[in-house]
Amino acid sequence: MSNFSLLIPLLFALISRNEAWTANQLSRKFMTNTYLSSLASAERDNKTDLTGPKDIDDELQRGRLLEGGQVIDFSSVKASSKAEEALASARQRLLANIVAPTSDTNGQILGINDDVVGEVGHPLGAFATPEEVQSCATWIRSKAPEGLFQAKDGVSNDASGFSDQQMRTARSTLSKCYDESGEVTGAFAKTFYMGTKLLGEEAQKAIWAIYVWCRRTDEIVDAPRDNDDEMLVDLSAWEMRLENLWDYGVVEDVYDLALLDVRANYPSLDITPFMDMIRGMLMDVPVLGQDRYDVFDELHLYCYRVAGTVGLMSLPVFGCAEGYDDEVAR
C-alpha cells in the first residue's frame, strides 16, 4: 500500500479543516501552481507563448468533470469475485474450526511479522500480558457512549470495581500501545508520520491507530507465504476480528486496543471503509485478484478501496469545516 496514497487524504483534510475551501478552490490552487510551474519550464525552453490567466481558466473548465457531476458511492458496491468467494470459503472453514490463523500457531501478533519488527528495531507488543490487555479493553468499553457496543456473554463494560493499580495499568497499557503505533507509522510512512505531527494529540494518536490497522492488513496480504490459502485464512480471521471489535468491543491483542479506543472516541466512525479496504487488498492478489481494468469504473472501485477508504476512515477524526458535513466531504 502506497504511503503517498495515505498522505493525500491527510493533507487535504488538514487544509480543509483550517480553511473552508471547496473542492473547486483546491483544484484551482493546485492547477494554477502546476500550470505556472509548467509554463516557466516551457518558456525556458522557448516552446510556448501561453500568456497565463486565460489559459488557466481554459484548463480549469476542461478539468471540472467531477464538479457537480454524478457521485458514485463505491462503498455500496458488493460485486462477487473469485477473490471474495475464496475469502468467504476461508471464513466458513474458520467457523467450522477446520483451520486456524497463523497467529494461533506461531505465537506472533497477526499482521506484525518479523519484517515489521525489524523495521521498527525492537520487539513489539511485549509490554502487556493477555490479562492486562483484556482489563484495558474493559476500561475502554466503560468509557464509550452508552449503546455503542452490543452486549456479549463474557464481555464486561464495567470498570467501576477496578482498583487504583488496575486503572493505572490500563492507562499505561493504552499509552504504550499508542506510542508503538506511532513508532510503526514513523518507520513505514515517514512523510505521512510528519503530517500527523501537525495534528492535536488525540487526533494524532487516532490516525496512528488507523494507519497501524491498515499496515497490518497490508502485511497479512503481502507477507511471503507458500500459498494463498494461509493468507485467506488470516485475512478472514482479521475481518471477523474487526466485526467483533466494532459490534462488541472485543479485542485479541494489544494493538486492537488503540483501534477500540478510536472507535469509542469517534462513534461516527463507520466499519464500511475498513471492510472495503480488505476487499481492495484482495484485488491485488495475483490470480485471485485483478491486474487489468477494462473500464474506468472498475479502476475507480480499486482506487476507492485501497486509497479513498483511508480518507473516510480519517474523516471523523479530522472533522469538517463549518458549513460542511460528511456527505459533502465524501
Protein backbone atom coordinates (compact mmCIF):
# COMPACT_ATOMS: atom_id res chain seq x y z
CA MET A 1 0.00 0.00 0.00
CA SER A 2 1.45 3.35 -1.02
CA ASN A 3 2.39 5.73 1.77
CA PHE A 4 1.74 8.54 -0.72
CA SER A 5 -1.87 7.40 -1.15
CA LEU A 6 -2.30 7.66 2.61
CA LEU A 7 -0.73 11.11 2.68
CA ILE A 8 -3.13 12.71 0.18
CA PRO A 9 -6.33 12.45 2.32
CA LEU A 10 -4.37 13.71 5.32
CA LEU A 11 -3.05 16.80 3.54
CA PHE A 12 -6.43 17.68 2.07
CA ALA A 13 -8.13 17.18 5.42
CA LEU A 14 -5.57 19.38 7.17
CA ILE A 15 -6.09 22.12 4.59
CA SER A 16 -9.90 21.94 4.58
CA ARG A 17 -10.06 21.80 8.38
CA ASN A 18 -8.32 25.18 8.67
CA GLU A 19 -9.82 26.87 5.61
CA ALA A 20 -13.31 26.13 4.32
CA TRP A 21 -12.13 25.65 0.75
CA THR A 22 -14.37 23.96 -1.77
CA ALA A 23 -13.08 21.18 -3.98
CA ASN A 24 -13.05 23.68 -6.85
CA GLN A 25 -10.86 26.11 -4.88
CA LEU A 26 -8.43 23.32 -4.00
CA SER A 27 -8.39 22.24 -7.63
CA ARG A 28 -7.81 25.81 -8.83
CA LYS A 29 -4.92 26.32 -6.41
CA PHE A 30 -3.29 23.03 -7.39
CA MET A 31 -3.78 23.51 -11.12
CA THR A 32 -2.64 27.12 -11.02
CA ASN A 33 0.59 26.22 -9.25
CA THR A 34 1.15 23.26 -11.55
CA TYR A 35 0.36 25.31 -14.63
CA LEU A 36 2.66 28.18 -13.68
CA SER A 37 5.47 25.75 -12.96
CA SER A 38 4.98 24.09 -16.35
CA LEU A 39 4.73 27.48 -18.05
CA ALA A 40 8.00 28.65 -16.55
CA SER A 41 9.71 25.47 -17.67
CA ALA A 42 8.28 25.71 -21.17
CA GLU A 43 9.26 29.36 -21.52
CA ARG A 44 12.81 28.48 -20.57
CA ASP A 45 12.80 26.01 -23.43
CA ASN A 46 11.14 28.54 -25.82
CA LYS A 47 8.39 26.05 -26.56
CA THR A 48 5.27 28.11 -25.79
CA ASP A 49 3.71 31.54 -26.00
CA LEU A 50 0.97 30.86 -23.45
CA THR A 51 0.02 34.02 -21.60
CA GLY A 52 -1.40 32.83 -18.26
CA PRO A 53 -4.84 33.61 -16.77
CA LYS A 54 -6.99 32.76 -19.80
CA ASP A 55 -5.12 29.55 -20.39
CA ILE A 56 -5.52 28.61 -16.71
CA ASP A 57 -9.28 29.21 -16.91
CA ASP A 58 -9.49 27.12 -20.08
CA GLU A 59 -7.61 24.29 -18.40
CA LEU A 60 -9.87 24.50 -15.34
CA GLN A 61 -13.00 24.39 -17.48
CA ARG A 62 -11.76 21.23 -19.16
CA GLY A 63 -10.79 19.72 -15.82
CA ARG A 64 -14.09 20.18 -13.96
CA LEU A 65 -15.51 16.83 -14.93
CA LEU A 66 -16.35 15.82 -11.34
CA GLU A 67 -17.65 19.23 -10.23
CA GLY A 68 -21.43 18.88 -9.92
CA GLY A 69 -21.40 15.57 -11.76
CA GLN A 70 -22.58 12.13 -10.73
CA VAL A 71 -21.33 10.90 -7.37
CA ILE A 72 -20.82 7.14 -7.26
CA ASP A 73 -20.92 5.58 -3.81
CA PHE A 74 -18.39 2.80 -4.30
CA SER A 75 -18.85 1.71 -0.68
CA SER A 76 -22.18 0.22 -1.77
CA VAL A 77 -20.56 -1.98 -4.42
CA LYS A 78 -20.67 -5.61 -3.27
CA ALA A 79 -19.89 -7.44 -6.50
CA SER A 80 -18.85 -11.06 -6.27
CA SER A 81 -15.41 -12.09 -7.49
CA LYS A 82 -13.11 -15.09 -7.38
CA ALA A 83 -11.15 -13.45 -4.55
CA GLU A 84 -14.20 -12.65 -2.44
CA GLU A 85 -15.60 -16.14 -2.94
CA ALA A 86 -12.26 -17.56 -1.76
CA LEU A 87 -12.35 -15.27 1.30
CA ALA A 88 -15.90 -16.39 2.13
CA SER A 89 -14.84 -20.03 1.83
CA ALA A 90 -11.93 -19.43 4.22
CA ARG A 91 -14.35 -17.86 6.72
CA GLN A 92 -16.55 -20.94 6.64
CA ARG A 93 -13.55 -23.17 7.35
CA LEU A 94 -12.56 -20.92 10.24
CA LEU A 95 -16.04 -21.01 11.72
CA ALA A 96 -16.06 -24.80 11.40
CA ASN A 97 -12.68 -24.97 13.22
CA ILE A 98 -11.16 -26.76 10.23
CA VAL A 99 -8.31 -24.23 10.03
CA ALA A 100 -6.75 -21.62 12.33
CA PRO A 101 -4.99 -18.29 11.69
CA THR A 102 -1.20 -18.35 11.79
CA SER A 103 -1.16 -16.20 14.93
CA ASP A 104 -2.67 -19.17 16.78
CA THR A 105 0.17 -21.46 15.73
CA ASN A 106 3.31 -19.28 15.60
CA GLY A 107 2.66 -17.05 18.60
CA GLN A 108 3.09 -13.83 16.60
CA ILE A 109 0.66 -10.93 16.63
CA LEU A 110 -1.42 -11.10 13.45
CA GLY A 111 -0.08 -8.58 10.92
CA ILE A 112 3.04 -7.84 13.00
CA ASN A 113 5.62 -10.10 11.38
CA ASP A 114 9.41 -10.19 11.57
CA ASP A 115 9.74 -7.58 8.81
CA VAL A 116 7.67 -5.10 10.81
CA VAL A 117 9.64 -5.78 13.99
CA GLY A 118 12.89 -5.43 12.06
CA GLU A 119 11.85 -2.10 10.56
CA VAL A 120 10.92 -0.66 13.96
CA GLY A 121 14.04 -2.08 15.59
CA HIS A 122 12.72 -3.74 18.74
CA PRO A 123 10.09 -6.31 19.82
CA LEU A 124 6.51 -5.06 19.51
CA GLY A 125 3.50 -5.64 21.72
CA ALA A 126 5.51 -7.17 24.56
CA PHE A 127 4.55 -4.57 27.17
CA ALA A 128 1.28 -6.15 28.39
CA THR A 129 0.05 -9.58 29.42
CA PRO A 130 -3.16 -11.01 27.89
CA GLU A 131 -4.92 -10.27 31.19
CA GLU A 132 -3.77 -6.63 31.11
CA VAL A 133 -4.95 -6.32 27.50
CA GLN A 134 -8.44 -7.53 28.41
CA SER A 135 -8.56 -5.36 31.52
CA CYS A 136 -7.64 -2.32 29.42
CA ALA A 137 -10.36 -3.23 26.91
CA THR A 138 -12.93 -3.34 29.72
CA TRP A 139 -11.85 0.14 30.81
CA ILE A 140 -12.11 1.50 27.24
CA ARG A 141 -15.58 -0.01 26.76
CA SER A 142 -16.68 1.53 30.06
CA LYS A 143 -15.81 5.00 28.68
CA ALA A 144 -17.66 4.52 25.40
CA PRO A 145 -21.03 6.19 24.74
CA GLU A 146 -23.92 4.12 26.02
CA GLY A 147 -25.19 1.63 23.46
CA LEU A 148 -22.14 1.85 21.19
CA PHE A 149 -21.28 -1.78 21.84
CA GLN A 150 -23.74 -4.65 21.90
CA ALA A 151 -23.88 -6.93 24.93
CA LYS A 152 -21.99 -10.20 24.62
CA ASP A 153 -21.57 -13.06 27.08
CA GLY A 154 -18.22 -12.89 28.84
CA VAL A 155 -17.51 -9.29 27.74
CA SER A 156 -17.74 -6.70 30.51
CA ASN A 157 -18.20 -2.96 30.06
CA ASP A 158 -17.98 -2.23 33.78
CA ALA A 159 -14.72 -0.93 35.23
CA SER A 160 -16.30 0.55 38.36
CA GLY A 161 -14.70 -2.13 40.55
CA PHE A 162 -11.18 -1.52 39.28
CA SER A 163 -8.53 -0.76 41.89
CA ASP A 164 -6.28 2.29 41.54
CA GLN A 165 -3.50 -0.01 40.37
CA GLN A 166 -5.73 -1.59 37.72
CA MET A 167 -6.66 1.86 36.42
CA ARG A 168 -3.03 2.94 36.26
CA THR A 169 -2.10 -0.24 34.43
CA ALA A 170 -4.95 0.18 31.94
CA ARG A 171 -3.97 3.78 31.17
CA SER A 172 -0.30 2.81 30.86
CA THR A 173 -1.12 -0.09 28.54
CA LEU A 174 -3.15 2.12 26.21
CA SER A 175 -0.49 4.83 26.26
CA LYS A 176 2.24 2.35 25.30
CA CYS A 177 0.02 0.94 22.58
CA TYR A 178 -0.32 4.38 21.02
CA ASP A 179 3.41 5.02 21.42
CA GLU A 180 4.29 1.86 19.50
CA SER A 181 1.61 2.64 16.90
CA GLY A 182 3.40 5.93 16.34
CA GLU A 183 6.71 4.07 16.01
CA VAL A 184 5.27 1.73 13.38
CA THR A 185 3.80 4.68 11.49
CA GLY A 186 7.11 6.56 11.63
CA ALA A 187 9.10 3.53 10.48
CA PHE A 188 6.96 2.69 7.45
CA ALA A 189 5.45 6.03 6.45
CA LYS A 190 7.90 8.78 7.28
CA THR A 191 6.26 11.56 5.28
CA PHE A 192 2.80 10.54 6.46
CA TYR A 193 4.07 10.50 10.05
CA MET A 194 5.44 14.02 9.64
CA GLY A 195 1.99 15.15 8.55
CA THR A 196 0.39 13.67 11.65
CA LYS A 197 2.67 15.81 13.83
CA LEU A 198 0.61 18.83 12.71
CA LEU A 199 -2.45 17.38 14.45
CA GLY A 200 -3.59 17.69 18.03
CA GLU A 201 -2.54 14.87 20.34
CA GLU A 202 -5.84 12.95 20.31
CA ALA A 203 -6.22 13.15 16.53
CA GLN A 204 -2.57 12.26 16.04
CA LYS A 205 -2.90 9.08 18.08
CA ALA A 206 -6.14 8.15 16.33
CA ILE A 207 -4.52 8.42 12.90
CA TRP A 208 -1.60 6.28 14.08
CA ALA A 209 -4.05 3.60 15.22
CA ILE A 210 -5.84 3.68 11.86
CA TYR A 211 -2.53 3.53 9.99
CA VAL A 212 -1.36 0.51 12.00
CA TRP A 213 -4.62 -1.29 11.22
CA CYS A 214 -4.04 -0.58 7.51
CA ARG A 215 -0.39 -1.61 7.82
CA ARG A 216 -1.35 -4.91 9.44
CA THR A 217 -3.94 -5.59 6.75
CA ASP A 218 -1.28 -4.95 4.11
CA GLU A 219 1.19 -7.26 5.86
CA ILE A 220 -1.38 -10.07 6.09
CA VAL A 221 -1.92 -9.94 2.33
CA ASP A 222 1.64 -9.24 1.16
CA ALA A 223 3.73 -11.31 3.58
CA PRO A 224 5.73 -14.10 1.83
CA ARG A 225 3.81 -17.39 2.02
CA ASP A 226 3.85 -20.80 0.41
CA ASN A 227 0.28 -20.43 -0.89
CA ASP A 228 -2.76 -18.15 -0.82
CA ASP A 229 -4.81 -20.46 1.41
CA GLU A 230 -2.93 -19.39 4.54
CA MET A 231 -3.31 -15.72 3.61
CA LEU A 232 -7.05 -16.10 3.03
CA VAL A 233 -7.49 -17.78 6.42
CA ASP A 234 -5.58 -14.98 8.15
CA LEU A 235 -7.50 -12.31 6.26
CA SER A 236 -10.83 -13.94 7.12
CA ALA A 237 -9.82 -14.06 10.79
CA TRP A 238 -8.80 -10.40 10.53
CA GLU A 239 -12.17 -9.44 9.05
CA MET A 240 -14.05 -11.33 11.79
CA ARG A 241 -11.92 -9.63 14.46
CA LEU A 242 -12.84 -6.25 13.00
CA GLU A 243 -16.54 -7.11 13.15
CA ASN A 244 -16.25 -8.27 16.76
CA LEU A 245 -14.37 -5.11 17.74
CA TRP A 246 -16.98 -2.89 16.10
CA ASP A 247 -20.03 -4.71 17.39
CA TYR A 248 -18.94 -5.84 20.85
CA GLY A 249 -15.67 -4.05 21.64
CA VAL A 250 -13.81 -7.37 21.70
CA VAL A 251 -10.01 -7.31 21.29
CA GLU A 252 -7.44 -10.05 20.83
CA ASP A 253 -4.10 -8.28 21.12
CA VAL A 254 -2.52 -5.04 22.32
CA TYR A 255 -2.83 -3.18 19.01
CA ASP A 256 -6.57 -3.83 18.88
CA LEU A 257 -6.77 -1.60 21.96
CA ALA A 258 -5.79 1.53 20.04
CA LEU A 259 -8.48 0.98 17.39
CA LEU A 260 -11.02 0.16 20.11
CA ASP A 261 -10.21 3.47 21.80
CA VAL A 262 -10.61 5.30 18.47
CA ARG A 263 -13.97 3.56 17.99
CA ALA A 264 -15.07 4.74 21.46
CA ASN A 265 -13.80 8.31 20.95
CA TYR A 266 -15.27 8.71 17.45
CA PRO A 267 -18.65 6.90 17.49
CA SER A 268 -19.48 8.05 13.95
CA LEU A 269 -16.52 6.09 12.58
CA ASP A 270 -18.01 3.53 10.21
CA ILE A 271 -16.77 -0.03 9.72
CA THR A 272 -17.51 0.10 5.98
CA PRO A 273 -14.24 1.67 4.72
CA PHE A 274 -12.26 -0.83 6.81
CA MET A 275 -14.15 -3.76 5.29
CA ASP A 276 -13.81 -2.25 1.83
CA MET A 277 -10.04 -1.87 2.23
CA ILE A 278 -9.80 -5.61 2.92
CA ARG A 279 -11.52 -6.20 -0.41
CA GLY A 280 -9.22 -3.72 -2.09
CA MET A 281 -6.23 -5.68 -0.83
CA LEU A 282 -7.74 -8.82 -2.32
CA MET A 283 -7.91 -7.13 -5.73
CA ASP A 284 -4.07 -7.04 -5.69
CA VAL A 285 -3.58 -10.77 -5.13
CA PRO A 286 -2.18 -12.49 -8.26
CA VAL A 287 -4.58 -14.96 -9.92
CA LEU A 288 -7.31 -14.30 -7.33
CA GLY A 289 -7.35 -10.56 -7.92
CA GLN A 290 -7.46 -8.29 -10.95
CA ASP A 291 -4.47 -6.85 -12.80
CA ARG A 292 -6.28 -5.35 -15.79
CA TYR A 293 -9.23 -2.94 -15.80
CA ASP A 294 -11.37 -2.69 -18.91
CA VAL A 295 -13.40 0.34 -17.83
CA PHE A 296 -12.72 3.29 -15.55
CA ASP A 297 -15.48 2.34 -13.10
CA GLU A 298 -13.55 -0.83 -12.26
CA LEU A 299 -10.38 1.19 -11.74
CA HIS A 300 -12.30 3.75 -9.67
CA LEU A 301 -13.56 0.95 -7.45
CA TYR A 302 -10.00 -0.24 -6.86
CA CYS A 303 -8.81 3.32 -6.12
CA TYR A 304 -11.67 3.83 -3.66
CA ARG A 305 -10.95 0.60 -1.85
CA VAL A 306 -7.18 0.98 -1.43
CA ALA A 307 -6.90 4.78 -1.02
CA GLY A 308 -10.29 6.52 -0.78
CA THR A 309 -11.18 4.34 2.19
CA VAL A 310 -8.34 5.95 4.17
CA GLY A 311 -9.93 9.35 3.70
CA LEU A 312 -13.26 8.03 5.03
CA MET A 313 -11.53 6.39 8.00
CA SER A 314 -9.85 9.70 8.80
CA LEU A 315 -12.88 11.93 8.27
CA PRO A 316 -14.42 11.58 11.77
CA VAL A 317 -11.02 12.32 13.29
CA PHE A 318 -10.38 15.47 11.25
CA GLY A 319 -13.97 16.70 11.25
CA CYS A 320 -15.37 19.13 8.68
CA ALA A 321 -15.04 22.87 8.31
CA GLU A 322 -18.03 24.95 9.41
CA GLY A 323 -20.87 24.70 6.93
CA TYR A 324 -19.80 21.30 5.62
CA ASP A 325 -20.79 17.77 6.59
CA ASP A 326 -19.65 14.21 5.96
CA GLU A 327 -21.69 13.85 2.77
CA VAL A 328 -20.12 16.95 1.21
CA ALA A 329 -16.69 15.67 2.19
CA ARG A 330 -17.38 12.28 0.61
